[in-house]
Amino acid sequence: MRVTEKGQVTIPKDIRDRLGIKPGSDVDFVVADAGIMLVKNGDTSDAFKNFDAWARSVEGTFDTNGMTSDEYVDWLRGPRDDLDRH
Protein backbone atom coordinates (compact mmCIF):
# COMPACT_ATOMS: atom_id res chain seq x y z
CA MET A 1 0.00 0.00 0.00
CA ARG A 2 1.32 3.44 -0.87
CA VAL A 3 0.60 6.74 0.82
CA THR A 4 -0.45 9.49 -1.61
CA GLU A 5 0.96 13.01 -1.55
CA LYS A 6 -2.12 13.97 0.48
CA GLY A 7 -1.29 11.30 3.09
CA GLN A 8 -4.10 8.98 1.98
CA VAL A 9 -4.15 5.20 1.64
CA THR A 10 -6.76 2.91 0.15
CA ILE A 11 -8.06 0.26 2.53
CA PRO A 12 -8.30 -3.00 0.55
CA LYS A 13 -11.87 -4.17 -0.14
CA ASP A 14 -11.52 -7.47 1.72
CA ILE A 15 -10.47 -5.59 4.87
CA ARG A 16 -13.28 -3.03 4.49
CA ASP A 17 -15.77 -5.88 4.08
CA ARG A 18 -14.40 -7.81 7.07
CA LEU A 19 -14.55 -4.77 9.37
CA GLY A 20 -17.81 -3.44 7.96
CA ILE A 21 -16.15 -0.19 6.88
CA LYS A 22 -18.38 1.77 4.52
CA PRO A 23 -18.08 5.30 3.08
CA GLY A 24 -18.37 7.66 6.04
CA SER A 25 -17.23 5.06 8.60
CA ASP A 26 -15.05 6.34 11.41
CA VAL A 27 -11.66 4.59 11.79
CA ASP A 28 -8.55 5.15 13.90
CA PHE A 29 -4.87 4.37 13.57
CA VAL A 30 -3.67 2.88 16.86
CA VAL A 31 0.07 3.15 17.56
CA ALA A 32 1.95 0.29 19.24
CA ASP A 33 5.64 -0.52 19.72
CA ALA A 34 5.65 -2.81 16.68
CA GLY A 35 3.78 -0.44 14.35
CA ILE A 36 0.23 0.74 13.80
CA MET A 37 -3.17 -0.87 13.36
CA LEU A 38 -6.19 0.43 11.54
CA VAL A 39 -9.29 -0.15 13.64
CA LYS A 40 -12.92 0.71 13.20
CA ASN A 41 -13.85 3.19 15.94
CA GLY A 42 -15.04 1.43 19.06
CA ASP A 43 -12.95 -1.69 18.37
CA THR A 44 -9.58 -0.50 19.74
CA SER A 45 -9.41 -2.40 23.03
CA ASP A 46 -10.04 -5.87 21.61
CA ALA A 47 -8.08 -5.25 18.42
CA PHE A 48 -4.64 -5.42 20.02
CA LYS A 49 -5.58 -8.17 22.45
CA ASN A 50 -6.81 -10.35 19.56
CA PHE A 51 -3.88 -9.45 17.32
CA ASP A 52 -1.30 -10.07 20.06
CA ALA A 53 -2.87 -13.45 20.85
CA TRP A 54 -2.78 -14.38 17.17
CA ALA A 55 0.84 -13.18 16.82
CA ARG A 56 1.89 -15.30 19.82
CA SER A 57 0.09 -18.32 18.38
CA VAL A 58 2.00 -18.18 15.07
CA GLU A 59 5.37 -17.06 16.44
CA GLY A 60 8.21 -19.11 14.95
CA THR A 61 6.00 -20.87 12.39
CA PHE A 62 7.01 -18.85 9.34
CA ASP A 63 10.21 -19.86 7.55
CA THR A 64 11.53 -17.69 4.71
CA ASN A 65 14.49 -20.00 4.09
CA GLY A 66 16.91 -17.24 5.07
CA MET A 67 15.41 -14.58 2.78
CA THR A 68 15.22 -10.99 3.98
CA SER A 69 11.76 -9.43 4.08
CA ASP A 70 12.45 -7.58 0.80
CA GLU A 71 13.68 -10.77 -0.86
CA TYR A 72 10.62 -12.66 0.37
CA VAL A 73 8.18 -10.02 -0.94
CA ASP A 74 9.99 -9.97 -4.30
CA TRP A 75 9.76 -13.78 -4.42
CA LEU A 76 6.10 -13.69 -3.42
CA ARG A 77 4.82 -11.09 -5.88
CA GLY A 78 7.78 -10.44 -8.14
CA PRO A 79 10.05 -7.41 -8.15
CA ARG A 80 8.46 -3.95 -8.33
CA ASP A 81 9.51 -1.94 -11.34
CA ASP A 82 8.33 1.32 -9.74
CA LEU A 83 10.91 1.25 -6.93
CA ASP A 84 14.48 2.43 -7.38
CA ARG A 85 16.65 -0.10 -5.51
CA HIS A 86 20.13 1.32 -6.03
PDB file of N, CA and C in Angstrom:
ATOM      1  N   MET A   1       0.841  -1.159   0.000  1.00  0.00           N
ATOM      2  CA  MET A   1       0.000   0.000   0.000  1.00  0.00           C
ATOM      3  C   MET A   1       0.894   1.232   0.000  1.00  0.00           C
ATOM      4  N   ARG A   2       0.554   2.196  -0.813  1.00  0.00           N
ATOM      5  CA  ARG A   2       1.321   3.436  -0.868  1.00  0.00           C
ATOM      6  C   ARG A   2       0.530   4.591  -0.300  1.00  0.00           C
ATOM      7  N   VAL A   3       1.219   5.524   0.304  1.00  0.00           N
ATOM      8  CA  VAL A   3       0.603   6.744   0.816  1.00  0.00           C
ATOM      9  C   VAL A   3       0.689   7.792  -0.289  1.00  0.00           C
ATOM     10  N   THR A   4      -0.436   8.446  -0.574  1.00  0.00           N
ATOM     11  CA  THR A   4      -0.450   9.486  -1.611  1.00  0.00           C
ATOM     12  C   THR A   4       0.200  10.756  -1.072  1.00  0.00           C
ATOM     13  N   GLU A   5       0.394  11.723  -1.962  1.00  0.00           N
ATOM     14  CA  GLU A   5       0.958  13.007  -1.552  1.00  0.00           C
ATOM     15  C   GLU A   5       0.087  13.694  -0.507  1.00  0.00           C
ATOM     16  N   LYS A   6      -1.202  13.395  -0.505  1.00  0.00           N
ATOM     17  CA  LYS A   6      -2.121  13.974   0.477  1.00  0.00           C
ATOM     18  C   LYS A   6      -2.146  13.169   1.776  1.00  0.00           C
ATOM     19  N   GLY A   7      -1.328  12.113   1.887  1.00  0.00           N
ATOM     20  CA  GLY A   7      -1.292  11.299   3.092  1.00  0.00           C
ATOM     21  C   GLY A   7      -2.399  10.265   3.148  1.00  0.00           C
ATOM     22  N   GLN A   8      -2.981   9.923   2.002  1.00  0.00           N
ATOM     23  CA  GLN A   8      -4.099   8.985   1.977  1.00  0.00           C
ATOM     24  C   GLN A   8      -3.640   7.587   1.561  1.00  0.00           C
ATOM     25  N   VAL A   9      -4.350   6.585   2.062  1.00  0.00           N
ATOM     26  CA  VAL A   9      -4.149   5.201   1.639  1.00  0.00           C
ATOM     27  C   VAL A   9      -5.517   4.606   1.312  1.00  0.00           C
ATOM     28  N   THR A  10      -5.525   3.611   0.462  1.00  0.00           N
ATOM     29  CA  THR A  10      -6.764   2.906   0.150  1.00  0.00           C
ATOM     30  C   THR A  10      -6.814   1.639   0.981  1.00  0.00           C
ATOM     31  N   ILE A  11      -7.881   1.478   1.741  1.00  0.00           N
ATOM     32  CA  ILE A  11      -8.065   0.262   2.535  1.00  0.00           C
ATOM     33  C   ILE A  11      -8.572  -0.814   1.581  1.00  0.00           C
ATOM     34  N   PRO A  12      -7.865  -1.948   1.468  1.00  0.00           N
ATOM     35  CA  PRO A  12      -8.299  -3.003   0.547  1.00  0.00           C
ATOM     36  C   PRO A  12      -9.741  -3.446   0.834  1.00  0.00           C
ATOM     37  N   LYS A  13     -10.458  -3.809  -0.237  1.00  0.00           N
ATOM     38  CA  LYS A  13     -11.868  -4.166  -0.141  1.00  0.00           C
ATOM     39  C   LYS A  13     -12.125  -5.308   0.833  1.00  0.00           C
ATOM     40  N   ASP A  14     -11.279  -6.341   0.819  1.00  0.00           N
ATOM     41  CA  ASP A  14     -11.522  -7.475   1.718  1.00  0.00           C
ATOM     42  C   ASP A  14     -11.437  -7.042   3.188  1.00  0.00           C
ATOM     43  N   ILE A  15     -10.566  -6.097   3.491  1.00  0.00           N
ATOM     44  CA  ILE A  15     -10.470  -5.593   4.866  1.00  0.00           C
ATOM     45  C   ILE A  15     -11.678  -4.725   5.198  1.00  0.00           C
ATOM     46  N   ARG A  16     -12.083  -3.851   4.255  1.00  0.00           N
ATOM     47  CA  ARG A  16     -13.279  -3.030   4.489  1.00  0.00           C
ATOM     48  C   ARG A  16     -14.488  -3.920   4.730  1.00  0.00           C
ATOM     49  N   ASP A  17     -14.638  -4.965   3.920  1.00  0.00           N
ATOM     50  CA  ASP A  17     -15.770  -5.878   4.080  1.00  0.00           C
ATOM     51  C   ASP A  17     -15.721  -6.591   5.429  1.00  0.00           C
ATOM     52  N   ARG A  18     -14.540  -7.065   5.816  1.00  0.00           N
ATOM     53  CA  ARG A  18     -14.399  -7.813   7.068  1.00  0.00           C
ATOM     54  C   ARG A  18     -14.728  -6.948   8.285  1.00  0.00           C
ATOM     55  N   LEU A  19     -14.311  -5.670   8.236  1.00  0.00           N
ATOM     56  CA  LEU A  19     -14.546  -4.774   9.368  1.00  0.00           C
ATOM     57  C   LEU A  19     -15.856  -4.006   9.262  1.00  0.00           C
ATOM     58  N   GLY A  20     -16.560  -4.171   8.144  1.00  0.00           N
ATOM     59  CA  GLY A  20     -17.806  -3.445   7.959  1.00  0.00           C
ATOM     60  C   GLY A  20     -17.592  -1.956   7.754  1.00  0.00           C
ATOM     61  N   ILE A  21     -16.461  -1.599   7.131  1.00  0.00           N
ATOM     62  CA  ILE A  21     -16.152  -0.189   6.883  1.00  0.00           C
ATOM     63  C   ILE A  21     -16.811   0.231   5.573  1.00  0.00           C
ATOM     64  N   LYS A  22     -17.644   1.238   5.672  1.00  0.00           N
ATOM     65  CA  LYS A  22     -18.376   1.774   4.516  1.00  0.00           C
ATOM     66  C   LYS A  22     -17.992   3.245   4.359  1.00  0.00           C
ATOM     67  N   PRO A  23     -18.334   3.862   3.212  1.00  0.00           N
ATOM     68  CA  PRO A  23     -18.077   5.299   3.083  1.00  0.00           C
ATOM     69  C   PRO A  23     -18.701   6.047   4.260  1.00  0.00           C
ATOM     70  N   GLY A  24     -17.913   6.912   4.875  1.00  0.00           N
ATOM     71  CA  GLY A  24     -18.374   7.663   6.036  1.00  0.00           C
ATOM     72  C   GLY A  24     -18.075   6.997   7.371  1.00  0.00           C
ATOM     73  N   SER A  25     -17.592   5.743   7.346  1.00  0.00           N
ATOM     74  CA  SER A  25     -17.232   5.062   8.597  1.00  0.00           C
ATOM     75  C   SER A  25     -16.099   5.801   9.285  1.00  0.00           C
ATOM     76  N   ASP A  26     -16.070   5.711  10.593  1.00  0.00           N
ATOM     77  CA  ASP A  26     -15.045   6.339  11.407  1.00  0.00           C
ATOM     78  C   ASP A  26     -14.006   5.286  11.779  1.00  0.00           C
ATOM     79  N   VAL A  27     -12.730   5.527  11.457  1.00  0.00           N
ATOM     80  CA  VAL A  27     -11.659   4.589  11.792  1.00  0.00           C
ATOM     81  C   VAL A  27     -10.550   5.341  12.515  1.00  0.00           C
ATOM     82  N   ASP A  28      -9.703   4.588  13.200  1.00  0.00           N
ATOM     83  CA  ASP A  28      -8.546   5.154  13.897  1.00  0.00           C
ATOM     84  C   ASP A  28      -7.302   4.371  13.523  1.00  0.00           C
ATOM     85  N   PHE A  29      -6.157   5.034  13.632  1.00  0.00           N
ATOM     86  CA  PHE A  29      -4.872   4.366  13.567  1.00  0.00           C
ATOM     87  C   PHE A  29      -4.371   4.295  15.001  1.00  0.00           C
ATOM     88  N   VAL A  30      -4.118   3.082  15.498  1.00  0.00           N
ATOM     89  CA  VAL A  30      -3.667   2.880  16.863  1.00  0.00           C
ATOM     90  C   VAL A  30      -2.181   2.547  16.819  1.00  0.00           C
ATOM     91  N   VAL A  31      -1.388   3.310  17.568  1.00  0.00           N
ATOM     92  CA  VAL A  31       0.068   3.154  17.560  1.00  0.00           C
ATOM     93  C   VAL A  31       0.480   2.169  18.650  1.00  0.00           C
ATOM     94  N   ALA A  32       1.376   1.245  18.292  1.00  0.00           N
ATOM     95  CA  ALA A  32       1.948   0.290  19.244  1.00  0.00           C
ATOM     96  C   ALA A  32       3.452   0.254  19.011  1.00  0.00           C
ATOM     97  N   ASP A  33       4.179  -0.441  19.873  1.00  0.00           N
ATOM     98  CA  ASP A  33       5.636  -0.520  19.717  1.00  0.00           C
ATOM     99  C   ASP A  33       6.029  -1.117  18.375  1.00  0.00           C
ATOM    100  N   ALA A  34       5.287  -2.107  17.907  1.00  0.00           N
ATOM    101  CA  ALA A  34       5.646  -2.810  16.685  1.00  0.00           C
ATOM    102  C   ALA A  34       5.133  -2.132  15.416  1.00  0.00           C
ATOM    103  N   GLY A  35       4.317  -1.106  15.529  1.00  0.00           N
ATOM    104  CA  GLY A  35       3.780  -0.442  14.348  1.00  0.00           C
ATOM    105  C   GLY A  35       2.436   0.174  14.643  1.00  0.00           C
ATOM    106  N   ILE A  36       1.566   0.183  13.634  1.00  0.00           N
ATOM    107  CA  ILE A  36       0.234   0.742  13.800  1.00  0.00           C
ATOM    108  C   ILE A  36      -0.810  -0.245  13.313  1.00  0.00           C
ATOM    109  N   MET A  37      -2.029  -0.066  13.801  1.00  0.00           N
ATOM    110  CA  MET A  37      -3.166  -0.867  13.356  1.00  0.00           C
ATOM    111  C   MET A  37      -4.290   0.073  12.981  1.00  0.00           C
ATOM    112  N   LEU A  38      -4.975  -0.266  11.907  1.00  0.00           N
ATOM    113  CA  LEU A  38      -6.193   0.432  11.543  1.00  0.00           C
ATOM    114  C   LEU A  38      -7.341  -0.288  12.226  1.00  0.00           C
ATOM    115  N   VAL A  39      -8.152   0.450  12.962  1.00  0.00           N
ATOM    116  CA  VAL A  39      -9.294  -0.154  13.637  1.00  0.00           C
ATOM    117  C   VAL A  39     -10.525   0.687  13.386  1.00  0.00           C
ATOM    118  N   LYS A  40     -11.649   0.019  13.291  1.00  0.00           N
ATOM    119  CA  LYS A  40     -12.924   0.706  13.202  1.00  0.00           C
ATOM    120  C   LYS A  40     -13.192   1.300  14.581  1.00  0.00           C
ATOM    121  N   ASN A  41     -13.615   2.556  14.643  1.00  0.00           N
ATOM    122  CA  ASN A  41     -13.845   3.193  15.941  1.00  0.00           C
ATOM    123  C   ASN A  41     -14.715   2.323  16.832  1.00  0.00           C
ATOM    124  N   GLY A  42     -14.323   2.246  18.090  1.00  0.00           N
ATOM    125  CA  GLY A  42     -15.044   1.431  19.059  1.00  0.00           C
ATOM    126  C   GLY A  42     -14.450   0.053  19.223  1.00  0.00           C
ATOM    127  N   ASP A  43     -13.523  -0.351  18.334  1.00  0.00           N
ATOM    128  CA  ASP A  43     -12.947  -1.689  18.374  1.00  0.00           C
ATOM    129  C   ASP A  43     -11.514  -1.703  18.904  1.00  0.00           C
ATOM    130  N   THR A  44     -11.008  -0.593  19.431  1.00  0.00           N
ATOM    131  CA  THR A  44      -9.585  -0.502  19.739  1.00  0.00           C
ATOM    132  C   THR A  44      -9.127  -1.413  20.867  1.00  0.00           C
ATOM    133  N   SER A  45      -9.900  -1.617  21.903  1.00  0.00           N
ATOM    134  CA  SER A  45      -9.407  -2.397  23.035  1.00  0.00           C
ATOM    135  C   SER A  45      -9.208  -3.864  22.673  1.00  0.00           C
ATOM    136  N   ASP A  46     -10.159  -4.460  21.979  1.00  0.00           N
ATOM    137  CA  ASP A  46     -10.044  -5.868  21.611  1.00  0.00           C
ATOM    138  C   ASP A  46      -9.097  -6.090  20.439  1.00  0.00           C
ATOM    139  N   ALA A  47      -8.894  -5.071  19.616  1.00  0.00           N
ATOM    140  CA  ALA A  47      -8.080  -5.251  18.415  1.00  0.00           C
ATOM    141  C   ALA A  47      -6.673  -5.709  18.751  1.00  0.00           C
ATOM    142  N   PHE A  48      -6.001  -5.027  19.685  1.00  0.00           N
ATOM    143  CA  PHE A  48      -4.635  -5.416  20.022  1.00  0.00           C
ATOM    144  C   PHE A  48      -4.588  -6.706  20.800  1.00  0.00           C
ATOM    145  N   LYS A  49      -5.551  -6.929  21.695  1.00  0.00           N
ATOM    146  CA  LYS A  49      -5.584  -8.174  22.451  1.00  0.00           C
ATOM    147  C   LYS A  49      -5.708  -9.353  21.480  1.00  0.00           C
ATOM    148  N   ASN A  50      -6.619  -9.270  20.531  1.00  0.00           N
ATOM    149  CA  ASN A  50      -6.812 -10.346  19.563  1.00  0.00           C
ATOM    150  C   ASN A  50      -5.602 -10.498  18.652  1.00  0.00           C
ATOM    151  N   PHE A  51      -5.034  -9.380  18.198  1.00  0.00           N
ATOM    152  CA  PHE A  51      -3.877  -9.447  17.319  1.00  0.00           C
ATOM    153  C   PHE A  51      -2.679 -10.026  18.057  1.00  0.00           C
ATOM    154  N   ASP A  52      -2.430  -9.553  19.287  1.00  0.00           N
ATOM    155  CA  ASP A  52      -1.304 -10.068  20.060  1.00  0.00           C
ATOM    156  C   ASP A  52      -1.440 -11.564  20.320  1.00  0.00           C
ATOM    157  N   ALA A  53      -2.657 -12.018  20.627  1.00  0.00           N
ATOM    158  CA  ALA A  53      -2.874 -13.453  20.847  1.00  0.00           C
ATOM    159  C   ALA A  53      -2.587 -14.236  19.572  1.00  0.00           C
ATOM    160  N   TRP A  54      -3.054 -13.709  18.438  1.00  0.00           N
ATOM    161  CA  TRP A  54      -2.777 -14.379  17.166  1.00  0.00           C
ATOM    162  C   TRP A  54      -1.279 -14.400  16.892  1.00  0.00           C
ATOM    163  N   ALA A  55      -0.597 -13.265  17.088  1.00  0.00           N
ATOM    164  CA  ALA A  55       0.841 -13.184  16.816  1.00  0.00           C
ATOM    165  C   ALA A  55       1.606 -14.193  17.670  1.00  0.00           C
ATOM    166  N   ARG A  56       1.236 -14.309  18.956  1.00  0.00           N
ATOM    167  CA  ARG A  56       1.894 -15.303  19.821  1.00  0.00           C
ATOM    168  C   ARG A  56       1.638 -16.725  19.318  1.00  0.00           C
ATOM    169  N   SER A  57       0.439 -16.964  18.806  1.00  0.00           N
ATOM    170  CA  SER A  57       0.089 -18.321  18.376  1.00  0.00           C
ATOM    171  C   SER A  57       0.846 -18.759  17.121  1.00  0.00           C
ATOM    172  N   VAL A  58       1.295 -17.812  16.307  1.00  0.00           N
ATOM    173  CA  VAL A  58       1.998 -18.178  15.069  1.00  0.00           C
ATOM    174  C   VAL A  58       3.492 -17.878  15.137  1.00  0.00           C
ATOM    175  N   GLU A  59       3.953 -17.404  16.286  1.00  0.00           N
ATOM    176  CA  GLU A  59       5.371 -17.061  16.437  1.00  0.00           C
ATOM    177  C   GLU A  59       6.254 -18.268  16.135  1.00  0.00           C
ATOM    178  N   GLY A  60       7.256 -18.058  15.289  1.00  0.00           N
ATOM    179  CA  GLY A  60       8.209 -19.105  14.945  1.00  0.00           C
ATOM    180  C   GLY A  60       7.715 -20.105  13.917  1.00  0.00           C
ATOM    181  N   THR A  61       6.534 -19.896  13.348  1.00  0.00           N
ATOM    182  CA  THR A  61       5.998 -20.867  12.392  1.00  0.00           C
ATOM    183  C   THR A  61       6.249 -20.483  10.945  1.00  0.00           C
ATOM    184  N   PHE A  62       6.822 -19.324  10.709  1.00  0.00           N
ATOM    185  CA  PHE A  62       7.013 -18.846   9.344  1.00  0.00           C
ATOM    186  C   PHE A  62       8.487 -18.921   8.991  1.00  0.00           C
ATOM    187  N   ASP A  63       8.823 -19.672   7.954  1.00  0.00           N
ATOM    188  CA  ASP A  63      10.215 -19.856   7.554  1.00  0.00           C
ATOM    189  C   ASP A  63      10.408 -19.298   6.153  1.00  0.00           C
ATOM    190  N   THR A  64      11.262 -18.286   6.026  1.00  0.00           N
ATOM    191  CA  THR A  64      11.532 -17.686   4.713  1.00  0.00           C
ATOM    192  C   THR A  64      12.772 -18.278   4.066  1.00  0.00           C
ATOM    193  N   ASN A  65      13.282 -19.360   4.619  1.00  0.00           N
ATOM    194  CA  ASN A  65      14.489 -20.001   4.094  1.00  0.00           C
ATOM    195  C   ASN A  65      15.660 -19.035   4.009  1.00  0.00           C
ATOM    196  N   GLY A  66      15.774 -18.158   5.001  1.00  0.00           N
ATOM    197  CA  GLY A  66      16.908 -17.242   5.070  1.00  0.00           C
ATOM    198  C   GLY A  66      16.755 -15.964   4.255  1.00  0.00           C
ATOM    199  N   MET A  67      15.614 -15.792   3.567  1.00  0.00           N
ATOM    200  CA  MET A  67      15.414 -14.575   2.775  1.00  0.00           C
ATOM    201  C   MET A  67      15.129 -13.393   3.690  1.00  0.00           C
ATOM    202  N   THR A  68      15.601 -12.210   3.263  1.00  0.00           N
ATOM    203  CA  THR A  68      15.218 -10.994   3.976  1.00  0.00           C
ATOM    204  C   THR A  68      13.756 -10.709   3.648  1.00  0.00           C
ATOM    205  N   SER A  69      13.161  -9.762   4.364  1.00  0.00           N
ATOM    206  CA  SER A  69      11.761  -9.434   4.081  1.00  0.00           C
ATOM    207  C   SER A  69      11.589  -8.914   2.661  1.00  0.00           C
ATOM    208  N   ASP A  70      12.534  -8.081   2.186  1.00  0.00           N
ATOM    209  CA  ASP A  70      12.454  -7.582   0.802  1.00  0.00           C
ATOM    210  C   ASP A  70      12.579  -8.725  -0.207  1.00  0.00           C
ATOM    211  N   GLU A  71      13.510  -9.624   0.034  1.00  0.00           N
ATOM    212  CA  GLU A  71      13.682 -10.768  -0.862  1.00  0.00           C
ATOM    213  C   GLU A  71      12.426 -11.636  -0.878  1.00  0.00           C
ATOM    214  N   TYR A  72      11.824 -11.837   0.290  1.00  0.00           N
ATOM    215  CA  TYR A  72      10.621 -12.657   0.367  1.00  0.00           C
ATOM    216  C   TYR A  72       9.472 -12.014  -0.398  1.00  0.00           C
ATOM    217  N   VAL A  73       9.259 -10.706  -0.226  1.00  0.00           N
ATOM    218  CA  VAL A  73       8.176 -10.021  -0.935  1.00  0.00           C
ATOM    219  C   VAL A  73       8.418 -10.075  -2.439  1.00  0.00           C
ATOM    220  N   ASP A  74       9.669  -9.858  -2.871  1.00  0.00           N
ATOM    221  CA  ASP A  74       9.986  -9.975  -4.300  1.00  0.00           C
ATOM    222  C   ASP A  74       9.691 -11.379  -4.812  1.00  0.00           C
ATOM    223  N   TRP A  75      10.037 -12.395  -4.020  1.00  0.00           N
ATOM    224  CA  TRP A  75       9.759 -13.776  -4.416  1.00  0.00           C
ATOM    225  C   TRP A  75       8.254 -14.019  -4.486  1.00  0.00           C
ATOM    226  N   LEU A  76       7.532 -13.467  -3.514  1.00  0.00           N
ATOM    227  CA  LEU A  76       6.098 -13.688  -3.417  1.00  0.00           C
ATOM    228  C   LEU A  76       5.328 -13.046  -4.565  1.00  0.00           C
ATOM    229  N   ARG A  77       5.605 -11.790  -4.853  1.00  0.00           N
ATOM    230  CA  ARG A  77       4.821 -11.092  -5.877  1.00  0.00           C
ATOM    231  C   ARG A  77       5.631 -10.635  -7.069  1.00  0.00           C
ATOM    232  N   GLY A  78       6.922 -10.881  -7.053  1.00  0.00           N
ATOM    233  CA  GLY A  78       7.781 -10.438  -8.140  1.00  0.00           C
ATOM    234  C   GLY A  78       8.325  -9.054  -7.832  1.00  0.00           C
ATOM    235  N   PRO A  79       9.459  -8.713  -8.433  1.00  0.00           N
ATOM    236  CA  PRO A  79      10.053  -7.411  -8.154  1.00  0.00           C
ATOM    237  C   PRO A  79       9.165  -6.271  -8.638  1.00  0.00           C
ATOM    238  N   ARG A  80       9.263  -5.133  -7.971  1.00  0.00           N
ATOM    239  CA  ARG A  80       8.460  -3.953  -8.330  1.00  0.00           C
ATOM    240  C   ARG A  80       9.299  -3.046  -9.210  1.00  0.00           C
ATOM    241  N   ASP A  81       8.806  -2.790 -10.389  1.00  0.00           N
ATOM    242  CA  ASP A  81       9.514  -1.940 -11.338  1.00  0.00           C
ATOM    243  C   ASP A  81       9.458  -0.472 -10.948  1.00  0.00           C
ATOM    244  N   ASP A  82       8.516  -0.091 -10.087  1.00  0.00           N
ATOM    245  CA  ASP A  82       8.334   1.324  -9.740  1.00  0.00           C
ATOM    246  C   ASP A  82       9.225   1.775  -8.589  1.00  0.00           C
ATOM    247  N   LEU A  83      10.028   0.872  -8.033  1.00  0.00           N
ATOM    248  CA  LEU A  83      10.912   1.254  -6.935  1.00  0.00           C
ATOM    249  C   LEU A  83      12.353   1.290  -7.422  1.00  0.00           C
ATOM    250  N   ASP A  84      13.064   2.301  -7.019  1.00  0.00           N
ATOM    251  CA  ASP A  84      14.481   2.430  -7.376  1.00  0.00           C
ATOM    252  C   ASP A  84      15.295   1.781  -6.273  1.00  0.00           C
ATOM    253  N   ARG A  85      15.902   0.642  -6.548  1.00  0.00           N
ATOM    254  CA  ARG A  85      16.646  -0.098  -5.514  1.00  0.00           C
ATOM    255  C   ARG A  85      18.147  -0.014  -5.744  1.00  0.00           C
ATOM    256  N   HIS A  86      18.682   1.169  -5.825  1.00  0.00           N
ATOM    257  CA  HIS A  86      20.133   1.322  -6.026  1.00  0.00           C
ATOM    258  C   HIS A  86      20.862   1.345  -4.734  1.00  0.00           C
TER     259      HIS A  86
END
